Amino acid sequence: MKHVLTVAAVVLLAACSKQGEAPAAPAQAGKGPPPPPPYQMRPEAPGGNRLAGGDGKTLFEVNCGYCHLTGGMGTNLLTKQRMAAGEPPEKGLLANRTDLTADYVKQVVRLGKNAMPPQTKVDLTDAELEAVAAYLGKAK
């Protein structure tokens, strides 16, 4: 029985090996890096705009709204902090804040703060973050 298994293994290895053949070159050789995997890509929007909705307000609502719109955990925590500082509760909504700068928004999004985890470039691309930061960081 051992001989049969040994012979079968040798025959299988011989059939699988490509002796004397050069390895095939990668299909992308010399053409730059391959495209990212599908889970890292954003679908194209009508008109070729990769931004979902194309504006910072929509991107904020879609990507950040579950925490930072009315009733969200981030809004509730910020409202408590603002009220403790003697400010009105409306200041808990990020869209109502006038003290945010675009650079501050980008820093907090990428690094996280307190209960907010950092958001990666897969979560929010650089272009999307720029639009959200411009929306939240504008002087109101």
Protein backbone atom coordinates (compact mmCIF):
# COMPACT_ATOMS: atom_id res chain seq x y z
CA MET A 1 0.00 0.00 0.00
CA LYS A 2 2.87 2.36 0.79
CA HIS A 3 4.33 1.81 -2.65
CA VAL A 4 1.06 2.65 -4.34
CA LEU A 5 0.76 5.92 -2.43
CA THR A 6 4.38 6.82 -3.15
CA VAL A 7 3.99 6.12 -6.88
CA ALA A 8 0.73 8.11 -6.96
CA ALA A 9 2.40 11.08 -5.24
CA VAL A 10 5.33 11.02 -7.69
CA VAL A 11 3.01 10.83 -10.70
CA LEU A 12 0.90 13.67 -9.34
CA LEU A 13 3.93 15.87 -8.71
CA ALA A 14 5.30 15.14 -12.18
CA ALA A 15 1.99 16.03 -13.78
CA CYS A 16 1.71 19.27 -11.84
CA SER A 17 5.23 20.55 -12.40
CA LYS A 18 6.09 22.59 -15.48
CA GLN A 19 9.71 21.69 -15.96
CA GLY A 20 11.66 23.85 -18.38
CA GLU A 21 9.03 26.58 -18.61
CA ALA A 22 9.73 30.13 -17.51
CA PRO A 23 7.26 31.53 -15.01
CA ALA A 24 4.60 33.76 -16.52
CA ALA A 25 5.10 37.50 -16.04
CA PRO A 26 2.47 39.36 -14.03
CA ALA A 27 -0.30 40.79 -16.21
CA GLN A 28 0.21 44.29 -14.79
CA ALA A 29 4.00 44.42 -15.25
CA GLY A 30 5.07 47.93 -16.22
CA LYS A 31 1.52 49.31 -16.13
CA GLY A 32 1.45 50.59 -12.55
CA PRO A 33 -0.25 49.13 -9.51
CA PRO A 34 -3.33 46.95 -9.88
CA PRO A 35 -6.70 48.47 -8.99
CA PRO A 36 -7.76 48.28 -5.33
CA PRO A 37 -10.08 45.47 -4.25
CA PRO A 38 -13.81 46.16 -4.70
CA TYR A 39 -14.45 46.78 -1.01
CA GLN A 40 -12.09 49.78 -1.17
CA MET A 41 -13.74 51.36 -4.20
CA ARG A 42 -16.66 53.74 -4.24
CA PRO A 43 -19.29 53.33 -6.94
CA GLU A 44 -19.30 55.94 -9.66
CA ALA A 45 -22.16 58.39 -9.36
CA PRO A 46 -24.00 59.80 -12.38
CA GLY A 47 -21.85 62.31 -14.21
CA GLY A 48 -18.62 60.62 -13.08
CA ASN A 49 -18.61 62.26 -9.63
CA ARG A 50 -17.28 59.76 -7.09
CA LEU A 51 -18.74 61.66 -4.17
CA ALA A 52 -22.04 60.22 -2.98
CA GLY A 53 -24.38 63.13 -3.57
CA GLY A 54 -21.45 65.34 -4.50
CA ASP A 55 -21.63 67.71 -1.55
CA GLY A 56 -20.34 67.80 2.00
CA LYS A 57 -23.80 67.99 3.56
CA THR A 58 -24.96 64.77 1.92
CA LEU A 59 -21.70 63.01 2.70
CA PHE A 60 -21.93 64.14 6.32
CA GLU A 61 -25.50 62.86 6.61
CA VAL A 62 -24.68 59.51 4.97
CA ASN A 63 -21.34 58.77 6.65
CA CYS A 64 -21.54 60.63 9.96
CA GLY A 65 -25.25 61.06 10.58
CA TYR A 66 -25.84 57.87 12.54
CA CYS A 67 -23.84 59.46 15.38
CA HIS A 68 -23.91 63.18 14.63
CA LEU A 69 -27.50 63.94 13.67
CA THR A 70 -30.34 64.41 16.18
CA GLY A 71 -30.53 61.48 18.60
CA GLY A 72 -27.12 60.07 17.72
CA MET A 73 -24.61 59.08 20.37
CA GLY A 74 -22.10 61.74 19.30
CA THR A 75 -24.75 64.45 19.36
CA ASN A 76 -25.97 63.37 22.79
CA LEU A 77 -22.44 63.41 24.23
CA LEU A 78 -21.61 66.77 22.67
CA THR A 79 -24.91 68.25 23.86
CA LYS A 80 -24.13 67.23 27.45
CA GLN A 81 -20.66 68.79 27.17
CA ARG A 82 -22.03 72.01 25.66
CA MET A 83 -24.78 72.33 28.26
CA ALA A 84 -22.24 71.78 31.05
CA ALA A 85 -20.27 74.67 29.56
CA GLY A 86 -23.38 76.88 29.69
CA GLU A 87 -24.11 76.76 25.96
CA PRO A 88 -27.45 75.94 24.35
CA PRO A 89 -28.12 72.27 23.48
CA GLU A 90 -28.33 73.11 19.76
CA LYS A 91 -24.52 73.41 19.81
CA GLY A 92 -24.38 69.62 20.22
CA LEU A 93 -25.24 69.23 16.54
CA LEU A 94 -22.03 69.54 14.54
CA ALA A 95 -23.88 71.19 11.66
CA ASN A 96 -24.87 74.04 14.03
CA ARG A 97 -21.35 74.68 15.33
CA THR A 98 -19.50 77.81 14.24
CA ASP A 99 -16.22 77.11 16.00
CA LEU A 100 -15.06 74.22 13.79
CA THR A 101 -12.32 74.57 11.20
CA ALA A 102 -11.83 72.24 8.25
CA ASP A 103 -8.39 71.20 9.55
CA TYR A 104 -9.82 70.35 12.97
CA VAL A 105 -12.59 68.25 11.42
CA LYS A 106 -10.08 66.31 9.29
CA GLN A 107 -7.84 65.69 12.30
CA VAL A 108 -10.66 64.40 14.51
CA VAL A 109 -12.05 62.20 11.73
CA ARG A 110 -8.70 60.55 10.97
CA LEU A 111 -7.40 60.26 14.56
CA GLY A 112 -10.66 59.92 16.50
CA LYS A 113 -11.52 61.69 19.74
CA ASN A 114 -12.97 60.42 23.02
CA ALA A 115 -15.69 57.87 22.10
CA MET A 116 -15.30 58.47 18.35
CA PRO A 117 -13.04 55.91 16.67
CA PRO A 118 -10.69 56.99 13.87
CA GLN A 119 -12.17 56.78 10.38
CA THR A 120 -9.89 55.24 7.76
CA LYS A 121 -9.60 56.10 4.08
CA VAL A 122 -11.80 53.08 3.41
CA ASP A 123 -14.51 54.51 5.68
CA LEU A 124 -14.25 57.99 4.15
CA THR A 125 -11.94 58.75 1.24
CA ASP A 126 -9.73 61.85 1.26
CA ALA A 127 -11.98 63.56 -1.30
CA GLU A 128 -15.08 62.77 0.77
CA LEU A 129 -13.37 64.01 3.93
CA GLU A 130 -12.41 67.26 2.20
CA ALA A 131 -16.06 67.86 1.27
CA VAL A 132 -17.32 67.04 4.79
CA ALA A 133 -14.63 69.23 6.39
CA ALA A 134 -15.51 72.13 4.08
CA TYR A 135 -19.20 71.73 4.99
CA LEU A 136 -18.64 71.56 8.78
CA GLY A 137 -15.68 73.96 8.89
CA LYS A 138 -17.30 76.82 7.03
CA ALA A 139 -18.09 79.96 8.99
CA LYS A 140 -21.80 80.07 9.68
